[in-house]
Amino acid sequence: MLGSVLLLIAMIGPMVLLATFLHYLFPVENVNGFDQWVPAIVSALSAWSFFTSWLWFYLFNLYLSLPVFLLALALHLYTVRKNLNPKLIQINTALLMATILMGFVSFLYFDI
């Protein structure tokens, strides 16, 4: 259990780097403040939930993977409604759909 927690803590660093990289790679000039960072944060959160989605049908999911997925989905709906960054919206949609698919496959594979 401690090893899993340490591994997931170690994954936070690359997720922050991914969000920073995507923020500067796909800049949005007409948006100010926090709304510039929301699509990049959604990308990092959806990547996190994708990489941990195989845990979706274990108890550990209730604390780690599923809440991050729901937060990414809510923020993604916010970015779609505000039309913040069309390129990252497409990337995030693909990541979230892949996460749902991976969760479904893990349900079929790990269902006992």
N, C-alpha and C. Protein backbone atom coordinates (compact mmCIF):
# COMPACT_ATOMS: atom_id res chain seq x y z
N MET A 1 0.82 -1.19 0.00
CA MET A 1 0.00 0.00 0.00
C MET A 1 0.87 1.26 0.00
N LEU A 2 1.90 1.26 0.82
CA LEU A 2 2.78 2.42 0.89
C LEU A 2 3.51 2.63 -0.43
N GLY A 3 3.89 1.54 -1.09
CA GLY A 3 4.55 1.66 -2.39
C GLY A 3 3.63 2.27 -3.44
N SER A 4 2.36 1.91 -3.41
CA SER A 4 1.40 2.50 -4.35
C SER A 4 1.22 3.98 -4.11
N VAL A 5 1.16 4.36 -2.85
CA VAL A 5 1.01 5.78 -2.51
C VAL A 5 2.24 6.57 -2.95
N LEU A 6 3.41 6.02 -2.72
CA LEU A 6 4.63 6.71 -3.13
C LEU A 6 4.74 6.81 -4.65
N LEU A 7 4.30 5.77 -5.35
CA LEU A 7 4.31 5.82 -6.81
C LEU A 7 3.36 6.90 -7.32
N LEU A 8 2.20 7.03 -6.73
CA LEU A 8 1.25 8.03 -7.16
C LEU A 8 1.70 9.44 -6.79
N ILE A 9 2.39 9.58 -5.68
CA ILE A 9 2.97 10.88 -5.34
C ILE A 9 4.05 11.25 -6.35
N ALA A 10 4.82 10.25 -6.79
CA ALA A 10 5.85 10.51 -7.79
C ALA A 10 5.25 10.88 -9.14
N MET A 11 4.00 10.47 -9.40
CA MET A 11 3.34 10.82 -10.66
C MET A 11 2.84 12.26 -10.68
N ILE A 12 2.75 12.90 -9.53
CA ILE A 12 2.26 14.28 -9.48
C ILE A 12 3.23 15.21 -10.21
N GLY A 13 4.52 14.99 -10.07
CA GLY A 13 5.51 15.84 -10.74
C GLY A 13 5.36 15.85 -12.26
N PRO A 14 5.31 14.68 -12.90
CA PRO A 14 5.10 14.70 -14.36
C PRO A 14 3.76 15.30 -14.78
N MET A 15 2.73 15.17 -13.96
CA MET A 15 1.44 15.76 -14.31
C MET A 15 1.50 17.28 -14.26
N VAL A 16 2.23 17.83 -13.30
CA VAL A 16 2.42 19.28 -13.24
C VAL A 16 3.25 19.75 -14.44
N LEU A 17 4.28 19.00 -14.78
CA LEU A 17 5.07 19.35 -15.96
C LEU A 17 4.26 19.27 -17.24
N LEU A 18 3.38 18.27 -17.34
CA LEU A 18 2.51 18.15 -18.51
C LEU A 18 1.57 19.35 -18.62
N ALA A 19 0.98 19.75 -17.50
CA ALA A 19 0.08 20.91 -17.53
C ALA A 19 0.82 22.17 -17.92
N THR A 20 2.02 22.36 -17.40
CA THR A 20 2.81 23.54 -17.74
C THR A 20 3.21 23.53 -19.22
N PHE A 21 3.63 22.38 -19.70
CA PHE A 21 4.03 22.24 -21.10
C PHE A 21 2.86 22.54 -22.03
N LEU A 22 1.69 21.97 -21.74
CA LEU A 22 0.52 22.19 -22.59
C LEU A 22 0.03 23.63 -22.52
N HIS A 23 0.19 24.26 -21.35
CA HIS A 23 -0.23 25.66 -21.22
C HIS A 23 0.59 26.56 -22.14
N TYR A 24 1.89 26.31 -22.22
CA TYR A 24 2.74 27.15 -23.06
C TYR A 24 2.77 26.69 -24.52
N LEU A 25 2.42 25.43 -24.77
CA LEU A 25 2.40 24.94 -26.15
C LEU A 25 1.16 25.43 -26.90
N PHE A 26 0.02 25.47 -26.21
CA PHE A 26 -1.23 25.92 -26.82
C PHE A 26 -1.74 27.16 -26.08
N PRO A 27 -1.13 28.32 -26.30
CA PRO A 27 -1.57 29.51 -25.58
C PRO A 27 -2.90 30.05 -26.13
N VAL A 28 -3.63 30.72 -25.26
CA VAL A 28 -4.88 31.37 -25.64
C VAL A 28 -4.73 32.84 -25.27
N GLU A 29 -4.81 33.71 -26.26
CA GLU A 29 -4.55 35.12 -26.02
C GLU A 29 -5.75 35.88 -25.48
N ASN A 30 -6.96 35.47 -25.84
CA ASN A 30 -8.14 36.25 -25.48
C ASN A 30 -8.74 35.89 -24.13
N VAL A 31 -8.08 35.05 -23.35
CA VAL A 31 -8.58 34.62 -22.05
C VAL A 31 -7.58 35.05 -20.98
N ASN A 32 -8.08 35.57 -19.88
CA ASN A 32 -7.21 36.04 -18.80
C ASN A 32 -7.39 35.19 -17.55
N GLY A 33 -6.38 35.22 -16.71
CA GLY A 33 -6.46 34.61 -15.39
C GLY A 33 -6.42 33.10 -15.40
N PHE A 34 -7.21 32.55 -14.51
CA PHE A 34 -7.22 31.11 -14.28
C PHE A 34 -7.76 30.33 -15.47
N ASP A 35 -8.60 30.95 -16.27
CA ASP A 35 -9.18 30.25 -17.42
C ASP A 35 -8.14 29.84 -18.45
N GLN A 36 -6.98 30.46 -18.46
CA GLN A 36 -5.91 30.02 -19.36
C GLN A 36 -5.35 28.67 -18.93
N TRP A 37 -5.35 28.40 -17.64
CA TRP A 37 -4.76 27.18 -17.13
C TRP A 37 -5.72 26.01 -17.08
N VAL A 38 -7.02 26.25 -17.13
CA VAL A 38 -7.99 25.18 -16.94
C VAL A 38 -7.85 24.06 -17.97
N PRO A 39 -7.73 24.33 -19.29
CA PRO A 39 -7.58 23.20 -20.23
C PRO A 39 -6.32 22.36 -19.99
N ALA A 40 -5.23 23.00 -19.61
CA ALA A 40 -4.00 22.25 -19.33
C ALA A 40 -4.15 21.41 -18.06
N ILE A 41 -4.85 21.95 -17.07
CA ILE A 41 -5.09 21.19 -15.85
C ILE A 41 -5.99 20.00 -16.14
N VAL A 42 -6.98 20.20 -17.00
CA VAL A 42 -7.85 19.08 -17.39
C VAL A 42 -7.04 17.99 -18.09
N SER A 43 -6.10 18.38 -18.92
CA SER A 43 -5.24 17.39 -19.59
C SER A 43 -4.44 16.59 -18.58
N ALA A 44 -3.87 17.26 -17.60
CA ALA A 44 -3.09 16.56 -16.58
C ALA A 44 -3.97 15.64 -15.74
N LEU A 45 -5.15 16.12 -15.36
CA LEU A 45 -6.05 15.29 -14.56
C LEU A 45 -6.58 14.10 -15.34
N SER A 46 -6.90 14.32 -16.61
CA SER A 46 -7.40 13.19 -17.40
C SER A 46 -6.29 12.19 -17.70
N ALA A 47 -5.06 12.65 -17.86
CA ALA A 47 -3.93 11.71 -18.01
C ALA A 47 -3.74 10.91 -16.73
N TRP A 48 -3.85 11.58 -15.59
CA TRP A 48 -3.75 10.89 -14.29
C TRP A 48 -4.83 9.82 -14.18
N SER A 49 -6.07 10.18 -14.51
CA SER A 49 -7.14 9.20 -14.38
C SER A 49 -7.01 8.08 -15.41
N PHE A 50 -6.45 8.39 -16.58
CA PHE A 50 -6.21 7.32 -17.57
C PHE A 50 -5.16 6.34 -17.08
N PHE A 51 -4.07 6.85 -16.53
CA PHE A 51 -3.00 5.96 -16.08
C PHE A 51 -3.39 5.15 -14.86
N THR A 52 -4.34 5.63 -14.07
CA THR A 52 -4.78 4.88 -12.90
C THR A 52 -6.15 4.25 -13.09
N SER A 53 -6.67 4.23 -14.31
CA SER A 53 -8.02 3.72 -14.52
C SER A 53 -8.13 2.21 -14.37
N TRP A 54 -7.04 1.50 -14.39
CA TRP A 54 -7.11 0.06 -14.16
C TRP A 54 -7.47 -0.23 -12.71
N LEU A 55 -7.39 0.77 -11.85
CA LEU A 55 -7.79 0.61 -10.45
C LEU A 55 -9.28 0.84 -10.23
N TRP A 56 -10.02 1.08 -11.29
CA TRP A 56 -11.39 1.55 -11.16
C TRP A 56 -12.32 0.63 -10.41
N PHE A 57 -12.05 -0.63 -10.34
CA PHE A 57 -12.96 -1.52 -9.67
C PHE A 57 -12.31 -2.16 -8.46
N TYR A 58 -11.45 -1.41 -7.83
CA TYR A 58 -10.88 -1.78 -6.55
C TYR A 58 -11.24 -0.68 -5.56
N LEU A 59 -11.06 -0.96 -4.29
CA LEU A 59 -11.40 0.01 -3.26
C LEU A 59 -10.53 1.26 -3.35
N PHE A 60 -9.29 1.10 -3.81
CA PHE A 60 -8.37 2.23 -3.90
C PHE A 60 -8.88 3.28 -4.89
N ASN A 61 -9.71 2.85 -5.83
CA ASN A 61 -10.29 3.77 -6.80
C ASN A 61 -11.15 4.83 -6.13
N LEU A 62 -11.86 4.47 -5.10
CA LEU A 62 -12.76 5.42 -4.44
C LEU A 62 -12.01 6.62 -3.88
N TYR A 63 -10.74 6.44 -3.59
CA TYR A 63 -9.95 7.51 -3.01
C TYR A 63 -9.06 8.24 -4.01
N LEU A 64 -8.78 7.66 -5.16
CA LEU A 64 -7.75 8.23 -6.01
C LEU A 64 -8.17 8.46 -7.45
N SER A 65 -8.58 7.46 -8.14
CA SER A 65 -8.78 7.57 -9.58
C SER A 65 -10.13 8.16 -9.96
N LEU A 66 -11.19 7.66 -9.40
CA LEU A 66 -12.52 8.11 -9.78
C LEU A 66 -12.79 9.57 -9.43
N PRO A 67 -12.39 10.08 -8.26
CA PRO A 67 -12.60 11.51 -8.00
C PRO A 67 -11.82 12.42 -8.95
N VAL A 68 -10.62 12.01 -9.35
CA VAL A 68 -9.84 12.80 -10.31
C VAL A 68 -10.52 12.79 -11.66
N PHE A 69 -11.07 11.65 -12.06
CA PHE A 69 -11.80 11.57 -13.32
C PHE A 69 -13.03 12.48 -13.30
N LEU A 70 -13.77 12.46 -12.21
CA LEU A 70 -14.97 13.30 -12.12
C LEU A 70 -14.61 14.78 -12.12
N LEU A 71 -13.52 15.14 -11.45
CA LEU A 71 -13.06 16.53 -11.47
C LEU A 71 -12.63 16.94 -12.88
N ALA A 72 -11.91 16.06 -13.57
CA ALA A 72 -11.49 16.35 -14.95
C ALA A 72 -12.70 16.48 -15.86
N LEU A 73 -13.69 15.64 -15.67
CA LEU A 73 -14.90 15.72 -16.48
C LEU A 73 -15.66 17.02 -16.23
N ALA A 74 -15.77 17.42 -14.98
CA ALA A 74 -16.46 18.67 -14.67
C ALA A 74 -15.71 19.88 -15.23
N LEU A 75 -14.40 19.90 -15.09
CA LEU A 75 -13.62 21.00 -15.65
C LEU A 75 -13.64 20.98 -17.17
N HIS A 76 -13.71 19.79 -17.76
CA HIS A 76 -13.79 19.69 -19.22
C HIS A 76 -15.12 20.27 -19.71
N LEU A 77 -16.19 19.98 -19.02
CA LEU A 77 -17.47 20.56 -19.39
C LEU A 77 -17.45 22.08 -19.26
N TYR A 78 -16.72 22.58 -18.27
CA TYR A 78 -16.55 24.02 -18.10
C TYR A 78 -15.78 24.62 -19.29
N THR A 79 -14.72 23.94 -19.72
CA THR A 79 -13.94 24.46 -20.86
C THR A 79 -14.73 24.40 -22.16
N VAL A 80 -15.55 23.37 -22.31
CA VAL A 80 -16.38 23.29 -23.52
C VAL A 80 -17.42 24.41 -23.52
N ARG A 81 -18.02 24.65 -22.36
CA ARG A 81 -19.04 25.69 -22.27
C ARG A 81 -18.44 27.08 -22.53
N LYS A 82 -17.24 27.32 -22.02
CA LYS A 82 -16.57 28.61 -22.21
C LYS A 82 -15.80 28.70 -23.52
N ASN A 83 -15.61 27.54 -24.21
CA ASN A 83 -14.84 27.45 -25.45
C ASN A 83 -13.45 28.07 -25.28
N LEU A 84 -12.71 27.54 -24.30
CA LEU A 84 -11.45 28.15 -23.91
C LEU A 84 -10.31 27.85 -24.89
N ASN A 85 -10.08 26.60 -25.22
CA ASN A 85 -8.95 26.24 -26.08
C ASN A 85 -9.36 25.05 -26.94
N PRO A 86 -9.73 25.28 -28.21
CA PRO A 86 -10.26 24.19 -29.03
C PRO A 86 -9.31 23.01 -29.24
N LYS A 87 -8.01 23.26 -29.32
CA LYS A 87 -7.06 22.16 -29.52
C LYS A 87 -7.01 21.26 -28.29
N LEU A 88 -6.93 21.88 -27.11
CA LEU A 88 -6.88 21.07 -25.90
C LEU A 88 -8.23 20.44 -25.59
N ILE A 89 -9.31 21.04 -26.04
CA ILE A 89 -10.62 20.41 -25.84
C ILE A 89 -10.68 19.09 -26.60
N GLN A 90 -10.15 19.05 -27.81
CA GLN A 90 -10.12 17.81 -28.58
C GLN A 90 -9.23 16.76 -27.92
N ILE A 91 -8.07 17.19 -27.44
CA ILE A 91 -7.16 16.27 -26.76
C ILE A 91 -7.79 15.73 -25.49
N ASN A 92 -8.42 16.61 -24.72
CA ASN A 92 -9.04 16.19 -23.46
C ASN A 92 -10.23 15.27 -23.70
N THR A 93 -10.99 15.54 -24.75
CA THR A 93 -12.11 14.65 -25.07
C THR A 93 -11.61 13.25 -25.39
N ALA A 94 -10.54 13.16 -26.16
CA ALA A 94 -9.97 11.85 -26.49
C ALA A 94 -9.44 11.15 -25.24
N LEU A 95 -8.76 11.89 -24.36
CA LEU A 95 -8.24 11.29 -23.13
C LEU A 95 -9.36 10.80 -22.23
N LEU A 96 -10.41 11.58 -22.09
CA LEU A 96 -11.52 11.18 -21.22
C LEU A 96 -12.27 9.98 -21.80
N MET A 97 -12.42 9.94 -23.11
CA MET A 97 -13.08 8.78 -23.72
C MET A 97 -12.21 7.54 -23.59
N ALA A 98 -10.89 7.69 -23.72
CA ALA A 98 -9.99 6.55 -23.53
C ALA A 98 -10.02 6.07 -22.08
N THR A 99 -10.18 6.99 -21.14
CA THR A 99 -10.27 6.62 -19.73
C THR A 99 -11.54 5.81 -19.47
N ILE A 100 -12.65 6.25 -20.05
CA ILE A 100 -13.90 5.50 -19.89
C ILE A 100 -13.77 4.11 -20.51
N LEU A 101 -13.15 4.03 -21.68
CA LEU A 101 -12.96 2.74 -22.34
C LEU A 101 -12.04 1.83 -21.51
N MET A 102 -10.97 2.40 -20.97
CA MET A 102 -10.05 1.61 -20.15
C MET A 102 -10.75 1.12 -18.87
N GLY A 103 -11.58 1.97 -18.28
CA GLY A 103 -12.33 1.55 -17.10
C GLY A 103 -13.30 0.43 -17.42
N PHE A 104 -13.96 0.51 -18.58
CA PHE A 104 -14.88 -0.55 -18.98
C PHE A 104 -14.14 -1.86 -19.23
N VAL A 105 -12.99 -1.77 -19.90
CA VAL A 105 -12.20 -2.98 -20.16
C VAL A 105 -11.69 -3.57 -18.84
N SER A 106 -11.27 -2.73 -17.91
CA SER A 106 -10.81 -3.24 -16.63
C SER A 106 -11.95 -3.85 -15.84
N PHE A 107 -13.17 -3.33 -16.00
CA PHE A 107 -14.33 -3.95 -15.36
C PHE A 107 -14.57 -5.34 -15.91
N LEU A 108 -14.48 -5.48 -17.23
CA LEU A 108 -14.71 -6.80 -17.83
C LEU A 108 -13.58 -7.76 -17.49
N TYR A 109 -12.35 -7.26 -17.42
CA TYR A 109 -11.20 -8.13 -17.17
C TYR A 109 -11.10 -8.54 -15.69
N PHE A 110 -11.29 -7.57 -14.79
CA PHE A 110 -11.10 -7.83 -13.37
C PHE A 110 -12.37 -8.23 -12.63
N ASP A 111 -13.51 -8.23 -13.32
CA ASP A 111 -14.76 -8.60 -12.66
C ASP A 111 -14.72 -10.07 -12.30
N ILE A 112 -14.97 -10.33 -11.05
CA ILE A 112 -14.89 -11.73 -10.58
C ILE A 112 -16.29 -12.22 -10.26
